C-alpha atoms as a PDB file:
ATOM      1  CA  MET A   1      93.885 103.236 131.693  1.00  0.00           C
ATOM      2  CA  LYS A   2      97.390 103.985 130.462  1.00  0.00           C
ATOM      3  CA  LYS A   3      97.366 105.940 127.203  1.00  0.00           C
ATOM      4  CA  VAL A   4      99.782 106.012 124.278  1.00  0.00           C
ATOM      5  CA  ARG A   5     100.978 109.568 123.677  1.00  0.00           C
ATOM      6  CA  TRP A   6     100.742 110.251 119.948  1.00  0.00           C
ATOM      7  CA  GLY A   7     102.355 112.886 117.773  1.00  0.00           C
ATOM      8  CA  ILE A   8     100.911 113.891 114.392  1.00  0.00           C
ATOM      9  CA  LEU A   9     103.322 114.609 111.534  1.00  0.00           C
ATOM     10  CA  SER A  10     101.376 117.126 109.411  1.00  0.00           C
ATOM     11  CA  THR A  11      98.192 119.146 109.648  1.00  0.00           C
ATOM     12  CA  ALA A  12      96.698 117.222 106.692  1.00  0.00           C
ATOM     13  CA  LYS A  13      92.927 117.276 106.238  1.00  0.00           C
ATOM     14  CA  ILE A  14      92.538 113.588 107.103  1.00  0.00           C
ATOM     15  CA  ALA A  15      94.332 114.185 110.410  1.00  0.00           C
ATOM     16  CA  GLN A  16      92.067 117.101 111.322  1.00  0.00           C
ATOM     17  CA  ARG A  17      88.824 115.642 109.982  1.00  0.00           C
ATOM     18  CA  GLU A  18      89.159 111.998 111.037  1.00  0.00           C
ATOM     19  CA  LEU A  19      92.162 110.923 113.103  1.00  0.00           C
ATOM     20  CA  ILE A  20      92.577 113.643 115.715  1.00  0.00           C
ATOM     21  CA  PRO A  21      88.888 113.345 116.716  1.00  0.00           C
ATOM     22  CA  ALA A  22      89.270 109.536 116.745  1.00  0.00           C
ATOM     23  CA  PHE A  23      92.253 109.766 119.100  1.00  0.00           C
ATOM     24  CA  GLY A  24      89.987 111.852 121.327  1.00  0.00           C
ATOM     25  CA  ARG A  25      87.322 109.116 121.353  1.00  0.00           C
ATOM     26  CA  ALA A  26      89.821 106.320 121.999  1.00  0.00           C
ATOM     27  CA  GLN A  27      90.180 104.918 125.509  1.00  0.00           C
ATOM     28  CA  ASN A  28      93.913 104.192 125.309  1.00  0.00           C
ATOM     29  CA  ALA A  29      95.353 107.043 123.234  1.00  0.00           C
ATOM     30  CA  GLU A  30      95.802 110.810 123.258  1.00  0.00           C
ATOM     31  CA  VAL A  31      97.327 113.360 120.899  1.00  0.00           C
ATOM     32  CA  ALA A  32     100.168 115.000 122.784  1.00  0.00           C
ATOM     33  CA  ALA A  33     101.826 116.956 119.941  1.00  0.00           C
ATOM     34  CA  ILE A  34     101.482 117.998 116.317  1.00  0.00           C
ATOM     35  CA  ALA A  35     104.128 119.204 113.853  1.00  0.00           C
ATOM     36  CA  SER A  36     104.000 120.995 110.527  1.00  0.00           C
ATOM     37  CA  GLY A  37     106.519 122.511 108.183  1.00  0.00           C
ATOM     38  CA  SER A  38     103.897 124.942 106.870  1.00  0.00           C
ATOM     39  CA  GLY A  39     103.563 126.939 110.089  1.00  0.00           C
ATOM     40  CA  LYS A  40     100.031 125.691 110.812  1.00  0.00           C
ATOM     41  CA  ALA A  41     100.842 123.424 113.761  1.00  0.00           C
ATOM     42  CA  GLU A  42     100.196 126.046 116.453  1.00  0.00           C
ATOM     43  CA  GLU A  43      96.807 126.969 114.970  1.00  0.00           C
ATOM     44  CA  VAL A  44      95.696 123.303 114.703  1.00  0.00           C
ATOM     45  CA  ALA A  45      97.001 122.546 118.187  1.00  0.00           C
ATOM     46  CA  ALA A  46      94.851 125.362 119.584  1.00  0.00           C
ATOM     47  CA  LYS A  47      91.818 124.166 117.614  1.00  0.00           C
ATOM     48  CA  PHE A  48      92.039 120.625 119.044  1.00  0.00           C
ATOM     49  CA  ASN A  49      93.535 121.434 122.479  1.00  0.00           C
ATOM     50  CA  ILE A  50      96.762 119.588 121.646  1.00  0.00           C
ATOM     51  CA  PRO A  51      99.369 120.397 124.334  1.00  0.00           C
ATOM     52  CA  LYS A  52     102.432 120.836 122.089  1.00  0.00           C
ATOM     53  CA  SER A  53     103.090 122.095 118.575  1.00  0.00           C
ATOM     54  CA  TYR A  54     106.315 122.018 116.582  1.00  0.00           C
ATOM     55  CA  GLY A  55     107.513 123.832 113.481  1.00  0.00           C
ATOM     56  CA  SER A  56     109.271 120.757 112.104  1.00  0.00           C
ATOM     57  CA  TYR A  57     108.791 116.995 112.145  1.00  0.00           C
ATOM     58  CA  GLU A  58     112.313 116.516 113.521  1.00  0.00           C
ATOM     59  CA  GLU A  59     111.505 118.536 116.637  1.00  0.00           C
ATOM     60  CA  LEU A  60     108.481 116.371 117.405  1.00  0.00           C
ATOM     61  CA  LEU A  61     110.456 113.165 116.903  1.00  0.00           C
ATOM     62  CA  GLN A  62     113.050 114.395 119.387  1.00  0.00           C
ATOM     63  CA  ASP A  63     110.397 114.845 122.102  1.00  0.00           C
ATOM     64  CA  PRO A  64     110.969 112.058 124.670  1.00  0.00           C
ATOM     65  CA  GLU A  65     107.340 112.299 125.837  1.00  0.00           C
ATOM     66  CA  ILE A  66     105.963 111.091 122.484  1.00  0.00           C
ATOM     67  CA  ASP A  67     105.484 107.313 122.206  1.00  0.00           C
ATOM     68  CA  ALA A  68     104.163 106.988 118.648  1.00  0.00           C
ATOM     69  CA  VAL A  69     103.422 109.011 115.522  1.00  0.00           C
ATOM     70  CA  TYR A  70     100.650 109.075 112.947  1.00  0.00           C
ATOM     71  CA  ILE A  71     101.905 109.915 109.439  1.00  0.00           C
ATOM     72  CA  PRO A  72      99.310 111.376 107.014  1.00  0.00           C
ATOM     73  CA  LEU A  73     101.923 112.813 104.636  1.00  0.00           C
ATOM     74  CA  PRO A  74     101.852 112.438 100.826  1.00  0.00           C
ATOM     75  CA  ASN A  75     102.586 108.878  99.650  1.00  0.00           C
ATOM     76  CA  HIS A  76     106.159 109.551  98.493  1.00  0.00           C
ATOM     77  CA  LEU A  77     107.157 110.739 102.002  1.00  0.00           C
ATOM     78  CA  HIS A  78     105.863 107.711 103.938  1.00  0.00           C
ATOM     79  CA  LYS A  79     109.113 105.761 103.810  1.00  0.00           C
ATOM     80  CA  GLN A  80     111.342 108.686 104.822  1.00  0.00           C
ATOM     81  CA  TRP A  81     109.324 109.699 107.871  1.00  0.00           C
ATOM     82  CA  THR A  82     108.466 106.180 108.999  1.00  0.00           C
ATOM     83  CA  MET A  83     112.175 105.429 109.141  1.00  0.00           C
ATOM     84  CA  GLU A  84     112.983 108.742 110.838  1.00  0.00           C
ATOM     85  CA  ALA A  85     110.321 107.999 113.452  1.00  0.00           C
ATOM     86  CA  ALA A  86     111.739 104.513 114.013  1.00  0.00           C
ATOM     87  CA  LYS A  87     115.247 105.970 114.458  1.00  0.00           C
ATOM     88  CA  HIS A  88     113.853 107.975 117.371  1.00  0.00           C
ATOM     89  CA  GLY A  89     112.091 104.950 118.869  1.00  0.00           C
ATOM     90  CA  LYS A  90     108.574 106.059 117.907  1.00  0.00           C
ATOM     91  CA  HIS A  91     105.927 103.515 116.909  1.00  0.00           C
ATOM     92  CA  VAL A  92     104.240 104.267 113.569  1.00  0.00           C
ATOM     93  CA  LEU A  93     100.717 104.371 112.175  1.00  0.00           C
ATOM     94  CA  CYS A  94     101.262 105.302 108.521  1.00  0.00           C
ATOM     95  CA  GLU A  95      98.525 106.288 106.086  1.00  0.00           C
ATOM     96  CA  LYS A  96      97.820 104.033 103.149  1.00  0.00           C
ATOM     97  CA  PRO A  97      99.330 103.132 100.794  1.00  0.00           C
ATOM     98  CA  ALA A  98     102.295 102.304 103.020  1.00  0.00           C
ATOM     99  CA  SER A  99     104.646 103.342 100.213  1.00  0.00           C
ATOM    100  CA  ILE A 100     105.006 103.485  96.451  1.00  0.00           C
ATOM    101  CA  THR A 101     106.672 100.073  95.984  1.00  0.00           C
ATOM    102  CA  PRO A 102     106.762  96.735  97.831  1.00  0.00           C
ATOM    103  CA  ASP A 103     110.530  97.057  98.255  1.00  0.00           C
ATOM    104  CA  GLU A 104     110.032 100.359 100.078  1.00  0.00           C
ATOM    105  CA  THR A 105     107.302  98.861 102.271  1.00  0.00           C
ATOM    106  CA  ARG A 106     109.525  95.909 103.136  1.00  0.00           C
ATOM    107  CA  GLU A 107     112.424  98.221 103.961  1.00  0.00           C
ATOM    108  CA  MET A 108     110.162 100.298 106.241  1.00  0.00           C
ATOM    109  CA  ALA A 109     108.812  97.213 108.017  1.00  0.00           C
ATOM    110  CA  GLU A 110     112.233  95.635 108.509  1.00  0.00           C
ATOM    111  CA  PHE A 111     113.728  98.882 109.808  1.00  0.00           C
ATOM    112  CA  CYS A 112     110.882  99.288 112.320  1.00  0.00           C
ATOM    113  CA  ARG A 113     111.387  95.690 113.447  1.00  0.00           C
ATOM    114  CA  GLU A 114     115.133  96.311 113.817  1.00  0.00           C
ATOM    115  CA  LYS A 115     114.445  99.395 115.947  1.00  0.00           C
ATOM    116  CA  ASN A 116     111.861  97.473 117.995  1.00  0.00           C
ATOM    117  CA  VAL A 117     108.945  99.761 117.134  1.00  0.00           C
ATOM    118  CA  LYS A 118     105.474  98.771 115.946  1.00  0.00           C
ATOM    119  CA  PHE A 119     104.414  99.590 112.383  1.00  0.00           C
ATOM    120  CA  MET A 120     100.920  99.490 110.877  1.00  0.00           C
ATOM    121  CA  GLU A 121      99.465 100.808 107.644  1.00  0.00           C
ATOM    122  CA  ALA A 122      96.261 102.762 108.259  1.00  0.00           C
ATOM    123  CA  PHE A 123      93.539 100.839 106.394  1.00  0.00           C
ATOM    124  CA  MET A 124      90.859 101.922 108.844  1.00  0.00           C
ATOM    125  CA  TYR A 125      87.879 100.361 107.035  1.00  0.00           C
ATOM    126  CA  GLN A 126      89.028  96.802 107.907  1.00  0.00           C
ATOM    127  CA  PHE A 127      88.318  97.338 111.612  1.00  0.00           C
ATOM    128  CA  HIS A 128      84.585  97.662 111.012  1.00  0.00           C
ATOM    129  CA  PRO A 129      82.870  94.460 112.258  1.00  0.00           C
ATOM    130  CA  GLN A 130      80.798  94.085 109.077  1.00  0.00           C
ATOM    131  CA  HIS A 131      83.790  92.511 107.295  1.00  0.00           C
ATOM    132  CA  GLU A 132      84.228  89.815 109.920  1.00  0.00           C
ATOM    133  CA  ARG A 133      80.511  89.121 109.554  1.00  0.00           C
ATOM    134  CA  VAL A 134      80.985  88.712 105.783  1.00  0.00           C
ATOM    135  CA  ARG A 135      83.752  86.164 106.388  1.00  0.00           C
ATOM    136  CA  GLU A 136      81.476  84.301 108.817  1.00  0.00           C
ATOM    137  CA  ILE A 137      78.703  84.107 106.201  1.00  0.00           C
ATOM    138  CA  ILE A 138      81.149  82.832 103.578  1.00  0.00           C
ATOM    139  CA  ALA A 139      82.515  80.214 106.006  1.00  0.00           C
ATOM    140  CA  SER A 140      78.983  79.072 106.880  1.00  0.00           C
ATOM    141  CA  GLY A 141      78.395  78.032 103.251  1.00  0.00           C
ATOM    142  CA  GLU A 142      75.214  80.098 103.016  1.00  0.00           C
ATOM    143  CA  ILE A 143      76.073  81.469  99.555  1.00  0.00           C
ATOM    144  CA  GLY A 144      77.720  78.253  98.409  1.00  0.00           C
ATOM    145  CA  GLU A 145      81.184  78.214  96.876  1.00  0.00           C
ATOM    146  CA  VAL A 146      82.559  81.719  96.290  1.00  0.00           C
ATOM    147  CA  LYS A 147      83.459  82.350  92.660  1.00  0.00           C
ATOM    148  CA  TYR A 148      83.852  86.098  92.241  1.00  0.00           C
ATOM    149  CA  MET A 149      84.356  89.352  94.157  1.00  0.00           C
ATOM    150  CA  ARG A 150      83.870  92.824  92.759  1.00  0.00           C
ATOM    151  CA  ALA A 151      84.867  96.057  94.547  1.00  0.00           C
ATOM    152  CA  SER A 152      84.397  99.715  93.629  1.00  0.00           C
ATOM    153  CA  PHE A 153      85.687 102.935  95.148  1.00  0.00           C
ATOM    154  CA  SER A 154      85.154 106.201  93.304  1.00  0.00           C
ATOM    155  CA  PHE A 155      84.435 109.883  93.813  1.00  0.00           C
ATOM    156  CA  LEU A 156      84.433 112.997  91.647  1.00  0.00           C
ATOM    157  CA  LEU A 157      87.680 114.904  92.159  1.00  0.00           C
ATOM    158  CA  ALA A 158      86.562 118.416  91.263  1.00  0.00           C
ATOM    159  CA  GLN A 159      89.673 120.430  92.138  1.00  0.00           C
ATOM    160  CA  ARG A 160      92.602 118.875  90.284  1.00  0.00           C
ATOM    161  CA  GLU A 161      95.181 121.606  89.760  1.00  0.00           C
ATOM    162  CA  GLY A 162      97.700 121.582  92.599  1.00  0.00           C
ATOM    163  CA  ASN A 163      96.112 118.483  94.146  1.00  0.00           C
ATOM    164  CA  ILE A 164      98.628 115.848  95.334  1.00  0.00           C
ATOM    165  CA  LYS A 165      96.220 113.137  94.139  1.00  0.00           C
ATOM    166  CA  MET A 166      97.117 114.286  90.614  1.00  0.00           C
ATOM    167  CA  ASP A 167     100.874 114.535  91.202  1.00  0.00           C
ATOM    168  CA  LYS A 168     102.696 111.548  89.707  1.00  0.00           C
ATOM    169  CA  GLN A 169     105.921 112.278  91.601  1.00  0.00           C
ATOM    170  CA  LYS A 170     104.075 112.196  94.928  1.00  0.00           C
ATOM    171  CA  GLY A 171     102.276 108.896  94.368  1.00  0.00           C
ATOM    172  CA  GLY A 172      99.127 110.316  92.808  1.00  0.00           C
ATOM    173  CA  GLY A 173      96.539 108.329  90.871  1.00  0.00           C
ATOM    174  CA  SER A 174      93.235 106.617  91.543  1.00  0.00           C
ATOM    175  CA  ILE A 175      94.731 103.172  92.263  1.00  0.00           C
ATOM    176  CA  TYR A 176      97.097 104.530  94.910  1.00  0.00           C
ATOM    177  CA  ASP A 177      94.358 106.705  96.395  1.00  0.00           C
ATOM    178  CA  VAL A 178      91.220 104.536  96.447  1.00  0.00           C
ATOM    179  CA  GLY A 179      91.955 101.430  94.384  1.00  0.00           C
ATOM    180  CA  CYS A 180      94.285 100.309  97.157  1.00  0.00           C
ATOM    181  CA  TYR A 181      91.183  99.707  99.315  1.00  0.00           C
ATOM    182  CA  CYS A 182      89.698  97.451  96.646  1.00  0.00           C
ATOM    183  CA  VAL A 183      92.930  95.468  96.341  1.00  0.00           C
ATOM    184  CA  HIS A 184      93.038  95.150 100.127  1.00  0.00           C
ATOM    185  CA  ALA A 185      89.403  94.051 100.407  1.00  0.00           C
ATOM    186  CA  ILE A 186      89.656  91.367  97.711  1.00  0.00           C
ATOM    187  CA  ARG A 187      92.835  89.957  99.272  1.00  0.00           C
ATOM    188  CA  ASN A 188      91.684  90.088 102.886  1.00  0.00           C
ATOM    189  CA  VAL A 189      87.991  89.233 102.672  1.00  0.00           C
ATOM    190  CA  LEU A 190      88.705  86.247 100.419  1.00  0.00           C
ATOM    191  CA  GLN A 191      92.013  85.550 102.239  1.00  0.00           C
ATOM    192  CA  THR A 192      93.943  84.945  99.044  1.00  0.00           C
ATOM    193  CA  GLU A 193      96.499  86.657  96.774  1.00  0.00           C
ATOM    194  CA  PRO A 194      96.312  87.666  93.106  1.00  0.00           C
ATOM    195  CA  VAL A 195      98.463  85.636  90.717  1.00  0.00           C
ATOM    196  CA  GLU A 196      97.835  87.858  87.698  1.00  0.00           C
ATOM    197  CA  VAL A 197      96.326  91.275  86.982  1.00  0.00           C
ATOM    198  CA  HIS A 198      95.217  93.043  83.834  1.00  0.00           C
ATOM    199  CA  VAL A 199      94.337  96.739  83.914  1.00  0.00           C
ATOM    200  CA  HIS A 200      92.670  99.205  81.585  1.00  0.00           C
ATOM    201  CA  ALA A 201      93.097 102.783  82.775  1.00  0.00           C
ATOM    202  CA  ASN A 202      92.222 106.335  81.788  1.00  0.00           C
ATOM    203  CA  ILE A 203      95.360 108.480  82.027  1.00  0.00           C
ATOM    204  CA  ASP A 204      95.122 112.236  82.468  1.00  0.00           C
ATOM    205  CA  PRO A 205      97.128 113.731  79.563  1.00  0.00           C
ATOM    206  CA  ASP A 206      98.392 116.698  81.583  1.00  0.00           C
ATOM    207  CA  HIS A 207      99.315 114.967  84.843  1.00  0.00           C
ATOM    208  CA  GLN A 208     100.039 111.436  83.560  1.00  0.00           C
ATOM    209  CA  VAL A 209      98.203 109.741  86.439  1.00  0.00           C
ATOM    210  CA  ASP A 210      95.361 107.239  86.257  1.00  0.00           C
ATOM    211  CA  THR A 211      92.021 108.976  86.883  1.00  0.00           C
ATOM    212  CA  SER A 212      90.092 105.699  86.455  1.00  0.00           C
ATOM    213  CA  ALA A 213      91.195 102.068  86.406  1.00  0.00           C
ATOM    214  CA  PHE A 214      89.391  98.814  85.664  1.00  0.00           C
ATOM    215  CA  VAL A 215      91.234  95.810  87.038  1.00  0.00           C
ATOM    216  CA  TYR A 216      90.834  92.054  86.509  1.00  0.00           C
ATOM    217  CA  MET A 217      92.506  89.735  89.006  1.00  0.00           C
ATOM    218  CA  LYS A 218      93.054  86.005  88.827  1.00  0.00           C
ATOM    219  CA  LEU A 219      93.370  84.762  92.423  1.00  0.00           C
ATOM    220  CA  GLU A 220      95.528  81.909  93.677  1.00  0.00           C
ATOM    221  CA  ASN A 221      92.550  79.999  95.120  1.00  0.00           C
ATOM    222  CA  GLY A 222      90.812  79.889  91.725  1.00  0.00           C
ATOM    223  CA  MET A 223      88.414  82.752  92.372  1.00  0.00           C
ATOM    224  CA  THR A 224      88.192  85.863  90.213  1.00  0.00           C
ATOM    225  CA  GLY A 225      88.494  89.426  91.483  1.00  0.00           C
ATOM    226  CA  TYR A 226      87.586  92.644  89.735  1.00  0.00           C
ATOM    227  CA  PHE A 227      87.671  96.244  90.854  1.00  0.00           C
ATOM    228  CA  ASP A 228      87.225  99.710  89.476  1.00  0.00           C
ATOM    229  CA  CYS A 229      88.362 102.968  91.025  1.00  0.00           C
ATOM    230  CA  SER A 230      88.011 106.510  89.805  1.00  0.00           C
ATOM    231  CA  PHE A 231      88.309 110.258  90.280  1.00  0.00           C
ATOM    232  CA  ASP A 232      85.752 110.688  87.455  1.00  0.00           C
ATOM    233  CA  MET A 233      82.640 109.002  88.887  1.00  0.00           C
ATOM    234  CA  THR A 234      80.118 109.593  91.636  1.00  0.00           C
ATOM    235  CA  PHE A 235      80.847 108.338  95.151  1.00  0.00           C
ATOM    236  CA  ARG A 236      80.782 104.542  95.564  1.00  0.00           C
ATOM    237  CA  ALA A 237      82.582 102.543  98.258  1.00  0.00           C
ATOM    238  CA  GLU A 238      81.277  98.985  98.024  1.00  0.00           C
ATOM    239  CA  TYR A 239      81.953  95.348  97.333  1.00  0.00           C
ATOM    240  CA  GLU A 240      79.973  92.289  96.305  1.00  0.00           C
ATOM    241  CA  ILE A 241      80.755  88.572  96.623  1.00  0.00           C
ATOM    242  CA  ILE A 242      79.092  86.044  94.312  1.00  0.00           C
ATOM    243  CA  GLY A 243      78.748  82.391  95.244  1.00  0.00           C
ATOM    244  CA  THR A 244      77.136  79.374  93.578  1.00  0.00           C
ATOM    245  CA  GLU A 245      73.995  79.731  95.720  1.00  0.00           C
ATOM    246  CA  GLY A 246      73.787  83.398  96.620  1.00  0.00           C
ATOM    247  CA  LYS A 247      75.573  86.716  96.969  1.00  0.00           C
ATOM    248  CA  ILE A 248      76.662  89.204  99.628  1.00  0.00           C
ATOM    249  CA  GLN A 249      76.578  92.952  99.040  1.00  0.00           C
ATOM    250  CA  VAL A 250      78.369  95.462 101.277  1.00  0.00           C
ATOM    251  CA  PRO A 251      77.298  98.913 100.003  1.00  0.00           C
ATOM    252  CA  ARG A 252      79.060 100.863 102.774  1.00  0.00           C
ATOM    253  CA  ALA A 253      82.264  98.853 102.715  1.00  0.00           C
ATOM    254  CA  PHE A 254      84.969 101.502 102.919  1.00  0.00           C
ATOM    255  CA  ARG A 255      83.312 104.560 104.484  1.00  0.00           C
ATOM    256  CA  PRO A 256      80.543 103.461 106.852  1.00  0.00           C
ATOM    257  CA  ASP A 257      81.452 106.539 108.883  1.00  0.00           C
ATOM    258  CA  HIS A 258      79.491 108.523 106.280  1.00  0.00           C
ATOM    259  CA  GLN A 259      76.393 106.804 107.724  1.00  0.00           C
ATOM    260  CA  GLY A 260      77.351 107.326 111.352  1.00  0.00           C
ATOM    261  CA  GLY A 261      79.327 104.084 111.451  1.00  0.00           C
ATOM    262  CA  GLU A 262      76.412 101.900 110.370  1.00  0.00           C
ATOM    263  CA  GLY A 263      77.537  99.130 108.044  1.00  0.00           C
ATOM    264  CA  GLN A 264      75.189  97.115 105.887  1.00  0.00           C
ATOM    265  CA  VAL A 265      75.467  93.471 104.805  1.00  0.00           C
ATOM    266  CA  ILE A 266      72.856  92.252 102.312  1.00  0.00           C
ATOM    267  CA  ILE A 267      72.552  88.510 101.677  1.00  0.00           C
ATOM    268  CA  GLN A 268      70.520  87.310  98.712  1.00  0.00           C
ATOM    269  CA  LYS A 269      69.675  83.742  97.654  1.00  0.00           C
ATOM    270  CA  GLU A 270      67.621  83.627  94.473  1.00  0.00           C
ATOM    271  CA  PHE A 271      64.762  86.064  95.203  1.00  0.00           C
ATOM    272  CA  VAL A 272      65.024  86.019  98.993  1.00  0.00           C
ATOM    273  CA  LYS A 273      66.967  88.895 100.505  1.00  0.00           C
ATOM    274  CA  ARG A 274      67.833  89.853 104.058  1.00  0.00           C
ATOM    275  CA  GLU A 275      69.787  92.732 105.493  1.00  0.00           C
ATOM    276  CA  GLU A 276      71.994  92.999 108.557  1.00  0.00           C
ATOM    277  CA  LYS A 277      73.076  96.346 110.008  1.00  0.00           C
ATOM    278  CA  ILE A 278      76.291  96.429 112.027  1.00  0.00           C
ATOM    279  CA  THR A 279      77.766  99.493 113.695  1.00  0.00           C
ATOM    280  CA  GLY A 280      81.402 100.352 114.317  1.00  0.00           C
ATOM    281  CA  ASP A 281      83.601 103.448 114.698  1.00  0.00           C
ATOM    282  CA  ILE A 282      86.352 102.586 112.205  1.00  0.00           C
ATOM    283  CA  TYR A 283      88.890 105.290 113.060  1.00  0.00           C
ATOM    284  CA  LYS A 284      88.469 104.816 116.817  1.00  0.00           C
ATOM    285  CA  LEU A 285      88.772 101.030 116.438  1.00  0.00           C
ATOM    286  CA  GLU A 286      91.933 101.458 114.361  1.00  0.00           C
ATOM    287  CA  VAL A 287      93.519 103.824 116.899  1.00  0.00           C
ATOM    288  CA  GLU A 288      92.594 101.607 119.844  1.00  0.00           C
ATOM    289  CA  HIS A 289      93.944  98.509 118.112  1.00  0.00           C
ATOM    290  CA  ILE A 290      97.407  99.887 117.356  1.00  0.00           C
ATOM    291  CA  SER A 291      97.572 101.643 120.736  1.00  0.00           C
ATOM    292  CA  ASN A 292      96.744  98.386 122.504  1.00  0.00           C
ATOM    293  CA  VAL A 293      99.456  96.612 120.472  1.00  0.00           C
ATOM    294  CA  ILE A 294     101.953  99.233 121.680  1.00  0.00           C
ATOM    295  CA  LEU A 295     100.845  99.042 125.315  1.00  0.00           C
ATOM    296  CA  GLU A 296     100.914  95.239 125.428  1.00  0.00           C
ATOM    297  CA  ASP A 297     103.960  94.755 123.167  1.00  0.00           C
ATOM    298  CA  GLY A 298     101.831  92.682 120.801  1.00  0.00           C
ATOM    299  CA  GLU A 299     101.590  92.465 117.018  1.00  0.00           C
ATOM    300  CA  PRO A 300      99.030  94.236 114.812  1.00  0.00           C
ATOM    301  CA  SER A 301      96.288  92.050 113.358  1.00  0.00           C
ATOM    302  CA  TYR A 302      97.123  93.779 110.070  1.00  0.00           C
ATOM    303  CA  THR A 303     100.727  92.698 109.586  1.00  0.00           C
ATOM    304  CA  ALA A 304     103.597  94.342 107.747  1.00  0.00           C
ATOM    305  CA  GLU A 305     103.762  91.306 105.426  1.00  0.00           C
ATOM    306  CA  ASN A 306     100.135  91.948 104.468  1.00  0.00           C
ATOM    307  CA  SER A 307     101.032  95.572 103.667  1.00  0.00           C
ATOM    308  CA  ILE A 308     103.948  94.400 101.502  1.00  0.00           C
ATOM    309  CA  ASN A 309     101.658  92.044  99.576  1.00  0.00           C
ATOM    310  CA  ASN A 310      99.116  94.819  99.055  1.00  0.00           C
ATOM    311  CA  THR A 311     101.787  97.129  97.680  1.00  0.00           C
ATOM    312  CA  ARG A 312     103.034  94.300  95.447  1.00  0.00           C
ATOM    313  CA  ALA A 313      99.571  93.900  93.914  1.00  0.00           C
ATOM    314  CA  ILE A 314      99.302  97.667  93.381  1.00  0.00           C
ATOM    315  CA  GLN A 315     102.698  97.714  91.667  1.00  0.00           C
ATOM    316  CA  ALA A 316     101.539  94.912  89.355  1.00  0.00           C
ATOM    317  CA  CYS A 317      98.514  97.033  88.430  1.00  0.00           C
ATOM    318  CA  TYR A 318     100.753  99.937  87.444  1.00  0.00           C
ATOM    319  CA  GLU A 319     103.032  97.599  85.500  1.00  0.00           C
ATOM    320  CA  SER A 320      99.989  96.382  83.551  1.00  0.00           C
ATOM    321  CA  ILE A 321      98.985  99.973  82.785  1.00  0.00           C
ATOM    322  CA  LYS A 322     102.520 100.692  81.551  1.00  0.00           C
ATOM    323  CA  THR A 323     102.801  97.605  79.329  1.00  0.00           C
ATOM    324  CA  GLY A 324      99.161  97.015  78.409  1.00  0.00           C
ATOM    325  CA  GLN A 325      99.739  93.361  79.234  1.00  0.00           C
ATOM    326  CA  ILE A 326      98.639  90.797  81.807  1.00  0.00           C
ATOM    327  CA  VAL A 327     101.150  90.876  84.679  1.00  0.00           C
ATOM    328  CA  GLN A 328     102.024  87.708  86.580  1.00  0.00           C
ATOM    329  CA  LEU A 329     102.705  87.925  90.321  1.00  0.00           C
ATOM    330  CA  THR A 330     105.076  85.464  91.922  1.00  0.00           C
END
């Protein structure tokens, strides 16, 4: 099978821990080069048997043997390096959130389209088959008419000083970091968009970023969405959908890889409960999907327009934090 030759811009932890191994498991992709401005590229290349290493991102982008790049840089650098990659004809898998604002995300997407390169934001969790199963259950009418969806993503951020997650200028904050998954899940599982949001947040007095946020969403199809995200609570990565006749719980929604890829869908009607276990390798599935899109000149199932809408909802959340008011989305 023909393989897409990927370059990695940065030696970030997520690249080393999750994505580089996933590229190795993928059938249609391989990591051909890695670049870092910190001088660590050669060391990481040796660790993972990556053929080439570069001391700058520009050098990697100039390599004619690289087809596509994965960008796990801090949030505020996503736009710059996505557009630089596109200038050099490289397809892009960019870590979430795609950018800090919907205007930036739109500019990135349009520039990639203009340069005829593929662009996809890296929400890996969505490729797990448990979410498609949830949509099937909803469509079957088993839990009746859906009224409400709640999502939660939290973890205790112990080391805060010097952490980019706490750096306002670099797109830090719990909504950008983990709340973005909750926004994405509510929009994509229910296949709707928020029309208004209202947020209560805890703001760190030293860093001026949200360390916890509690978000109400009114959705365009009449349903209600709610999510909480936090750097101050124990690990949770889950969602729940409530219907008129039953509910669906997905306790391993965002990181089923922590349980070896085993997802869990629990359906309850009154006092009768059943559980379905569904397995999937989220990072491998993500890599294979975008690589297949590149090889076949197709379009990602997760579109740029969807990324723009997700960023728009996130921006509305931050506007609500700033004003203390309900924010309308148009």
